[in-house]
Amino acid sequence: MSTTDILATVHGAQLTNMIFMEKGSHVMEMFPKGWLEFAGNGQNVFQWLASWSGIKHQGIWRDNQGPECPNPEKGTLHCFNFHKDGQVGHNVTYLADWTADVLQKFQNGTTHLTTDRLGNNFVPLKCPCDHVNDF
């Protein structure tokens, strides 16, 4: 994760690893259908973690397609679990535009990548931490 500049992933425990990303890195988070209605404040936890860690949370994608909860009369927890275990659908056009926007923000605001002298091809700069074991 320490070399990850942009992380695009579904909401889940794997996002706790963002604490190992460099400050200024970007996170794109996706949610399954029903998450907005049934997850409560827990759906914001990774936005908070990103903020506390100096990482730029670039928004969310909420899937609005897919099946409805089959037995809503069984309660919120039943519907939450139904949606939690579902696949996250996507809108290709929206996600392509969103990704292009985040990539542009990254390219314009990065401090640990640069372009060559002609303005082409991002080239990683050496990090002083890469030489920690050279002593």
N, C-alpha and C. Protein backbone atom coordinates (compact mmCIF):
# COMPACT_ATOMS: atom_id res chain seq x y z
N MET A 1 0.81 -1.20 0.00
CA MET A 1 0.00 0.00 0.00
C MET A 1 0.86 1.26 0.00
N SER A 2 2.07 1.18 0.47
CA SER A 2 2.91 2.37 0.56
C SER A 2 3.26 2.95 -0.81
N THR A 3 3.12 2.16 -1.86
CA THR A 3 3.40 2.66 -3.21
C THR A 3 2.13 2.89 -4.02
N THR A 4 0.97 2.79 -3.37
CA THR A 4 -0.31 2.99 -4.04
C THR A 4 -0.64 4.48 -4.08
N ASP A 5 -0.86 5.01 -5.27
CA ASP A 5 -1.20 6.42 -5.41
C ASP A 5 -2.70 6.62 -5.46
N ILE A 6 -3.41 5.70 -6.13
CA ILE A 6 -4.87 5.78 -6.24
C ILE A 6 -5.42 4.39 -5.97
N LEU A 7 -6.34 4.31 -5.01
CA LEU A 7 -6.97 3.04 -4.66
C LEU A 7 -8.45 3.14 -4.99
N ALA A 8 -8.92 2.27 -5.87
CA ALA A 8 -10.35 2.18 -6.20
C ALA A 8 -10.83 0.82 -5.72
N THR A 9 -11.78 0.82 -4.80
CA THR A 9 -12.22 -0.43 -4.20
C THR A 9 -13.64 -0.30 -3.66
N VAL A 10 -14.25 -1.45 -3.42
CA VAL A 10 -15.55 -1.45 -2.75
C VAL A 10 -15.34 -1.20 -1.27
N HIS A 11 -16.36 -0.69 -0.62
CA HIS A 11 -16.33 -0.46 0.82
C HIS A 11 -16.09 -1.78 1.53
N GLY A 12 -15.16 -1.80 2.46
CA GLY A 12 -14.88 -3.01 3.22
C GLY A 12 -13.64 -2.86 4.06
N ALA A 13 -13.38 -3.89 4.85
CA ALA A 13 -12.28 -3.86 5.81
C ALA A 13 -10.92 -3.63 5.16
N GLN A 14 -10.76 -4.01 3.88
CA GLN A 14 -9.48 -3.81 3.21
C GLN A 14 -9.08 -2.33 3.18
N LEU A 15 -10.04 -1.44 3.31
CA LEU A 15 -9.73 -0.01 3.29
C LEU A 15 -8.97 0.45 4.53
N THR A 16 -8.95 -0.35 5.59
CA THR A 16 -8.17 0.05 6.76
C THR A 16 -6.69 0.15 6.41
N ASN A 17 -6.27 -0.56 5.37
CA ASN A 17 -4.87 -0.52 4.96
C ASN A 17 -4.46 0.81 4.34
N MET A 18 -5.42 1.71 4.14
CA MET A 18 -5.05 3.01 3.56
C MET A 18 -4.13 3.78 4.49
N ILE A 19 -4.06 3.41 5.77
CA ILE A 19 -3.16 4.12 6.68
C ILE A 19 -1.71 3.95 6.27
N PHE A 20 -1.42 2.97 5.40
CA PHE A 20 -0.06 2.75 4.93
C PHE A 20 0.23 3.49 3.62
N MET A 21 -0.78 4.16 3.07
CA MET A 21 -0.59 4.93 1.84
C MET A 21 0.05 6.28 2.20
N GLU A 22 0.72 6.85 1.20
CA GLU A 22 1.34 8.17 1.40
C GLU A 22 0.28 9.23 1.54
N LYS A 23 0.58 10.24 2.35
CA LYS A 23 -0.31 11.39 2.44
C LYS A 23 -0.44 11.99 1.04
N GLY A 24 -1.63 12.42 0.70
CA GLY A 24 -1.87 12.98 -0.62
C GLY A 24 -2.32 11.95 -1.64
N SER A 25 -2.30 10.66 -1.28
CA SER A 25 -2.82 9.63 -2.18
C SER A 25 -4.34 9.77 -2.25
N HIS A 26 -4.95 9.04 -3.16
CA HIS A 26 -6.39 9.16 -3.40
C HIS A 26 -7.10 7.83 -3.20
N VAL A 27 -8.34 7.89 -2.70
CA VAL A 27 -9.18 6.71 -2.52
C VAL A 27 -10.52 6.96 -3.21
N MET A 28 -10.95 5.95 -3.97
CA MET A 28 -12.27 5.95 -4.60
C MET A 28 -13.03 4.76 -4.01
N GLU A 29 -14.19 5.01 -3.43
CA GLU A 29 -14.92 3.97 -2.69
C GLU A 29 -16.26 3.69 -3.34
N MET A 30 -16.61 2.41 -3.45
CA MET A 30 -17.87 1.99 -4.07
C MET A 30 -18.71 1.19 -3.07
N PHE A 31 -20.02 1.40 -3.13
CA PHE A 31 -20.95 0.75 -2.21
C PHE A 31 -21.97 -0.09 -2.97
N PRO A 32 -22.42 -1.20 -2.36
CA PRO A 32 -23.49 -1.98 -2.98
C PRO A 32 -24.84 -1.28 -2.82
N LYS A 33 -25.79 -1.70 -3.61
CA LYS A 33 -27.15 -1.18 -3.49
C LYS A 33 -27.64 -1.44 -2.07
N GLY A 34 -28.41 -0.50 -1.54
CA GLY A 34 -28.99 -0.65 -0.23
C GLY A 34 -28.12 -0.15 0.91
N TRP A 35 -26.85 0.11 0.62
CA TRP A 35 -25.94 0.51 1.69
C TRP A 35 -26.35 1.83 2.30
N LEU A 36 -26.75 2.79 1.50
CA LEU A 36 -27.14 4.11 1.98
C LEU A 36 -28.30 3.99 2.97
N GLU A 37 -29.25 3.13 2.65
CA GLU A 37 -30.45 3.01 3.47
C GLU A 37 -30.23 2.21 4.75
N PHE A 38 -29.32 1.25 4.74
CA PHE A 38 -29.24 0.31 5.85
C PHE A 38 -27.94 0.34 6.66
N ALA A 39 -26.90 1.00 6.21
CA ALA A 39 -25.60 0.91 6.90
C ALA A 39 -25.42 1.93 8.01
N GLY A 40 -26.18 2.99 8.02
CA GLY A 40 -26.02 3.99 9.07
C GLY A 40 -24.71 4.75 8.94
N ASN A 41 -24.21 5.25 10.07
CA ASN A 41 -22.98 6.06 10.06
C ASN A 41 -21.74 5.28 9.70
N GLY A 42 -21.79 3.95 9.80
CA GLY A 42 -20.63 3.13 9.48
C GLY A 42 -20.15 3.29 8.06
N GLN A 43 -21.03 3.75 7.19
CA GLN A 43 -20.61 3.91 5.79
C GLN A 43 -19.65 5.07 5.61
N ASN A 44 -19.50 5.90 6.61
CA ASN A 44 -18.61 7.07 6.50
C ASN A 44 -17.24 6.83 7.12
N VAL A 45 -17.03 5.69 7.72
CA VAL A 45 -15.81 5.46 8.50
C VAL A 45 -14.54 5.62 7.68
N PHE A 46 -14.54 5.20 6.42
CA PHE A 46 -13.31 5.30 5.63
C PHE A 46 -13.08 6.70 5.08
N GLN A 47 -14.14 7.49 4.96
CA GLN A 47 -13.95 8.90 4.64
C GLN A 47 -13.27 9.60 5.81
N TRP A 48 -13.68 9.25 7.02
CA TRP A 48 -13.05 9.83 8.21
C TRP A 48 -11.60 9.38 8.31
N LEU A 49 -11.35 8.08 8.11
CA LEU A 49 -9.98 7.56 8.20
C LEU A 49 -9.07 8.24 7.17
N ALA A 50 -9.59 8.43 5.96
CA ALA A 50 -8.81 9.12 4.92
C ALA A 50 -8.45 10.53 5.38
N SER A 51 -9.42 11.23 5.91
CA SER A 51 -9.19 12.60 6.37
C SER A 51 -8.14 12.63 7.48
N TRP A 52 -8.25 11.73 8.44
CA TRP A 52 -7.30 11.67 9.55
C TRP A 52 -5.90 11.29 9.09
N SER A 53 -5.82 10.55 7.97
CA SER A 53 -4.53 10.04 7.48
C SER A 53 -3.89 10.93 6.43
N GLY A 54 -4.55 12.02 6.05
CA GLY A 54 -4.00 12.91 5.04
C GLY A 54 -4.19 12.38 3.62
N ILE A 55 -5.16 11.49 3.45
CA ILE A 55 -5.45 10.90 2.14
C ILE A 55 -6.69 11.57 1.57
N LYS A 56 -6.71 11.76 0.28
CA LYS A 56 -7.83 12.45 -0.37
C LYS A 56 -8.91 11.44 -0.76
N HIS A 57 -10.02 11.46 -0.05
CA HIS A 57 -11.15 10.60 -0.38
C HIS A 57 -11.89 11.28 -1.52
N GLN A 58 -11.91 10.64 -2.68
CA GLN A 58 -12.43 11.26 -3.89
C GLN A 58 -13.89 10.92 -4.16
N GLY A 59 -14.63 10.63 -3.12
CA GLY A 59 -16.05 10.41 -3.29
C GLY A 59 -16.40 8.94 -3.36
N ILE A 60 -17.66 8.72 -3.67
CA ILE A 60 -18.19 7.37 -3.63
C ILE A 60 -19.06 7.08 -4.85
N TRP A 61 -19.21 5.82 -5.13
CA TRP A 61 -20.17 5.34 -6.13
C TRP A 61 -21.16 4.49 -5.37
N ARG A 62 -22.43 4.80 -5.49
CA ARG A 62 -23.49 4.00 -4.87
C ARG A 62 -24.27 3.31 -5.98
N ASP A 63 -24.22 2.00 -5.96
CA ASP A 63 -24.95 1.20 -6.94
C ASP A 63 -26.45 1.38 -6.70
N ASN A 64 -27.17 1.78 -7.71
CA ASN A 64 -28.62 1.93 -7.56
C ASN A 64 -29.38 0.89 -8.37
N GLN A 65 -28.68 -0.07 -8.90
CA GLN A 65 -29.30 -1.15 -9.66
C GLN A 65 -29.32 -2.41 -8.80
N GLY A 66 -29.91 -3.45 -9.30
CA GLY A 66 -29.91 -4.73 -8.58
C GLY A 66 -31.21 -4.99 -7.87
N PRO A 67 -31.31 -6.16 -7.27
CA PRO A 67 -32.57 -6.57 -6.65
C PRO A 67 -32.87 -5.81 -5.36
N GLU A 68 -34.15 -5.69 -5.08
CA GLU A 68 -34.59 -5.12 -3.81
C GLU A 68 -34.50 -6.20 -2.73
N CYS A 69 -34.50 -5.78 -1.50
CA CYS A 69 -34.51 -6.73 -0.38
C CYS A 69 -35.76 -7.61 -0.52
N PRO A 70 -35.60 -8.94 -0.57
CA PRO A 70 -36.74 -9.81 -0.83
C PRO A 70 -37.75 -9.90 0.31
N ASN A 71 -37.33 -9.67 1.52
CA ASN A 71 -38.24 -9.78 2.67
C ASN A 71 -38.05 -8.59 3.62
N PRO A 72 -38.44 -7.39 3.21
CA PRO A 72 -38.22 -6.22 4.07
C PRO A 72 -38.94 -6.32 5.41
N GLU A 73 -39.98 -7.13 5.46
CA GLU A 73 -40.72 -7.28 6.73
C GLU A 73 -39.87 -7.95 7.81
N LYS A 74 -38.75 -8.60 7.41
CA LYS A 74 -37.86 -9.23 8.40
C LYS A 74 -36.96 -8.21 9.09
N GLY A 75 -36.99 -6.97 8.63
CA GLY A 75 -36.28 -5.91 9.32
C GLY A 75 -35.02 -5.41 8.64
N THR A 76 -34.49 -4.35 9.22
CA THR A 76 -33.32 -3.66 8.69
C THR A 76 -32.09 -4.55 8.61
N LEU A 77 -31.84 -5.33 9.66
CA LEU A 77 -30.65 -6.18 9.66
C LEU A 77 -30.70 -7.21 8.54
N HIS A 78 -31.87 -7.78 8.30
CA HIS A 78 -32.02 -8.75 7.22
C HIS A 78 -31.68 -8.09 5.88
N CYS A 79 -32.24 -6.91 5.62
CA CYS A 79 -31.99 -6.21 4.35
C CYS A 79 -30.53 -5.75 4.25
N PHE A 80 -29.97 -5.30 5.37
CA PHE A 80 -28.57 -4.91 5.38
C PHE A 80 -27.69 -6.09 4.95
N ASN A 81 -27.90 -7.25 5.56
CA ASN A 81 -27.10 -8.42 5.22
C ASN A 81 -27.33 -8.88 3.78
N PHE A 82 -28.54 -8.75 3.29
CA PHE A 82 -28.83 -9.10 1.90
C PHE A 82 -27.99 -8.23 0.96
N HIS A 83 -28.01 -6.94 1.16
CA HIS A 83 -27.28 -6.02 0.28
C HIS A 83 -25.77 -6.09 0.50
N LYS A 84 -25.35 -6.28 1.75
CA LYS A 84 -23.93 -6.33 2.08
C LYS A 84 -23.21 -7.45 1.32
N ASP A 85 -23.88 -8.55 1.14
CA ASP A 85 -23.26 -9.69 0.48
C ASP A 85 -23.46 -9.69 -1.03
N GLY A 86 -24.08 -8.65 -1.55
CA GLY A 86 -24.33 -8.58 -3.00
C GLY A 86 -23.15 -7.99 -3.75
N GLN A 87 -23.18 -8.17 -5.04
CA GLN A 87 -22.15 -7.58 -5.89
C GLN A 87 -22.44 -6.10 -6.12
N VAL A 88 -21.38 -5.35 -6.34
CA VAL A 88 -21.53 -3.93 -6.63
C VAL A 88 -21.61 -3.77 -8.14
N GLY A 89 -22.72 -3.29 -8.62
CA GLY A 89 -22.87 -3.01 -10.05
C GLY A 89 -22.18 -1.69 -10.36
N HIS A 90 -22.11 -1.36 -11.62
CA HIS A 90 -21.43 -0.12 -11.98
C HIS A 90 -21.98 0.46 -13.27
N ASN A 91 -21.81 1.74 -13.42
CA ASN A 91 -22.14 2.47 -14.62
C ASN A 91 -20.80 2.80 -15.29
N VAL A 92 -20.52 2.14 -16.40
CA VAL A 92 -19.21 2.26 -17.04
C VAL A 92 -18.87 3.71 -17.38
N THR A 93 -19.82 4.45 -17.91
CA THR A 93 -19.56 5.83 -18.30
C THR A 93 -19.23 6.69 -17.08
N TYR A 94 -20.04 6.56 -16.04
CA TYR A 94 -19.79 7.33 -14.82
C TYR A 94 -18.43 6.99 -14.23
N LEU A 95 -18.14 5.70 -14.10
CA LEU A 95 -16.87 5.29 -13.49
C LEU A 95 -15.68 5.72 -14.34
N ALA A 96 -15.81 5.68 -15.65
CA ALA A 96 -14.71 6.14 -16.52
C ALA A 96 -14.46 7.63 -16.32
N ASP A 97 -15.54 8.41 -16.26
CA ASP A 97 -15.40 9.86 -16.05
C ASP A 97 -14.82 10.16 -14.66
N TRP A 98 -15.31 9.45 -13.66
CA TRP A 98 -14.84 9.64 -12.29
C TRP A 98 -13.35 9.30 -12.19
N THR A 99 -12.96 8.18 -12.76
CA THR A 99 -11.57 7.76 -12.73
C THR A 99 -10.68 8.77 -13.46
N ALA A 100 -11.12 9.24 -14.62
CA ALA A 100 -10.35 10.24 -15.36
C ALA A 100 -10.18 11.51 -14.54
N ASP A 101 -11.23 11.92 -13.83
CA ASP A 101 -11.16 13.11 -12.98
C ASP A 101 -10.16 12.92 -11.85
N VAL A 102 -10.19 11.77 -11.18
CA VAL A 102 -9.27 11.51 -10.08
C VAL A 102 -7.84 11.43 -10.60
N LEU A 103 -7.63 10.78 -11.75
CA LEU A 103 -6.29 10.71 -12.33
C LEU A 103 -5.76 12.11 -12.65
N GLN A 104 -6.63 12.96 -13.18
CA GLN A 104 -6.21 14.34 -13.49
C GLN A 104 -5.84 15.09 -12.21
N LYS A 105 -6.65 14.92 -11.17
CA LYS A 105 -6.33 15.57 -9.89
C LYS A 105 -5.00 15.06 -9.35
N PHE A 106 -4.78 13.77 -9.48
CA PHE A 106 -3.52 13.19 -9.01
C PHE A 106 -2.34 13.76 -9.80
N GLN A 107 -2.46 13.79 -11.11
CA GLN A 107 -1.36 14.29 -11.94
C GLN A 107 -1.07 15.76 -11.66
N ASN A 108 -2.10 16.53 -11.38
CA ASN A 108 -1.90 17.95 -11.13
C ASN A 108 -1.40 18.25 -9.72
N GLY A 109 -1.67 17.37 -8.77
CA GLY A 109 -1.33 17.68 -7.40
C GLY A 109 -0.30 16.79 -6.75
N THR A 110 0.32 15.92 -7.50
CA THR A 110 1.25 14.97 -6.91
C THR A 110 2.56 15.64 -6.54
N THR A 111 3.20 15.11 -5.52
CA THR A 111 4.51 15.62 -5.13
C THR A 111 5.59 14.56 -5.26
N HIS A 112 5.20 13.30 -5.44
CA HIS A 112 6.22 12.27 -5.52
C HIS A 112 6.32 11.64 -6.90
N LEU A 113 5.63 12.20 -7.86
CA LEU A 113 5.80 11.80 -9.25
C LEU A 113 6.02 13.06 -10.06
N THR A 114 6.66 12.93 -11.19
CA THR A 114 6.91 14.09 -12.03
C THR A 114 6.88 13.65 -13.48
N THR A 115 6.91 14.60 -14.39
CA THR A 115 6.99 14.27 -15.81
C THR A 115 8.43 14.41 -16.25
N ASP A 116 8.73 13.84 -17.41
CA ASP A 116 10.06 14.04 -17.95
C ASP A 116 10.17 15.48 -18.47
N ARG A 117 11.31 15.86 -19.00
CA ARG A 117 11.52 17.26 -19.38
C ARG A 117 10.62 17.73 -20.52
N LEU A 118 10.00 16.79 -21.25
CA LEU A 118 9.08 17.16 -22.32
C LEU A 118 7.63 17.17 -21.84
N GLY A 119 7.43 16.83 -20.57
CA GLY A 119 6.07 16.80 -20.03
C GLY A 119 5.36 15.48 -20.28
N ASN A 120 6.08 14.45 -20.65
CA ASN A 120 5.49 13.15 -20.94
C ASN A 120 5.87 12.14 -19.86
N ASN A 121 5.11 11.08 -19.79
CA ASN A 121 5.46 9.90 -19.00
C ASN A 121 5.84 10.21 -17.56
N PHE A 122 4.98 9.85 -16.67
CA PHE A 122 5.30 10.03 -15.27
C PHE A 122 6.44 9.12 -14.87
N VAL A 123 7.40 9.69 -14.16
CA VAL A 123 8.59 8.96 -13.75
C VAL A 123 8.68 9.04 -12.22
N PRO A 124 8.71 7.92 -11.51
CA PRO A 124 8.81 8.00 -10.05
C PRO A 124 10.12 8.64 -9.61
N LEU A 125 10.04 9.50 -8.63
CA LEU A 125 11.23 10.07 -8.01
C LEU A 125 11.70 9.13 -6.92
N LYS A 126 12.97 9.12 -6.66
CA LYS A 126 13.51 8.30 -5.58
C LYS A 126 13.08 8.88 -4.24
N CYS A 127 12.65 8.03 -3.38
CA CYS A 127 12.27 8.43 -2.02
C CYS A 127 13.48 8.21 -1.12
N PRO A 128 13.82 9.15 -0.23
CA PRO A 128 14.94 8.93 0.69
C PRO A 128 14.76 7.65 1.50
N CYS A 129 13.52 7.27 1.73
CA CYS A 129 13.28 6.06 2.53
C CYS A 129 13.69 4.79 1.78
N ASP A 130 13.87 4.86 0.46
CA ASP A 130 14.31 3.69 -0.30
C ASP A 130 15.72 3.27 0.07
N HIS A 131 16.48 4.15 0.67
CA HIS A 131 17.88 3.88 0.98
C HIS A 131 18.11 3.62 2.46
N VAL A 132 17.07 3.38 3.19
CA VAL A 132 17.19 3.20 4.63
C VAL A 132 18.06 2.01 4.99
N ASN A 133 18.10 0.98 4.16
CA ASN A 133 18.89 -0.21 4.44
C ASN A 133 20.29 -0.16 3.85
N ASP A 134 20.66 0.97 3.23
CA ASP A 134 21.97 1.08 2.60
C ASP A 134 23.08 1.36 3.62
N PHE A 135 22.74 1.66 4.85
CA PHE A 135 23.74 2.04 5.86
C PHE A 135 24.32 0.85 6.54
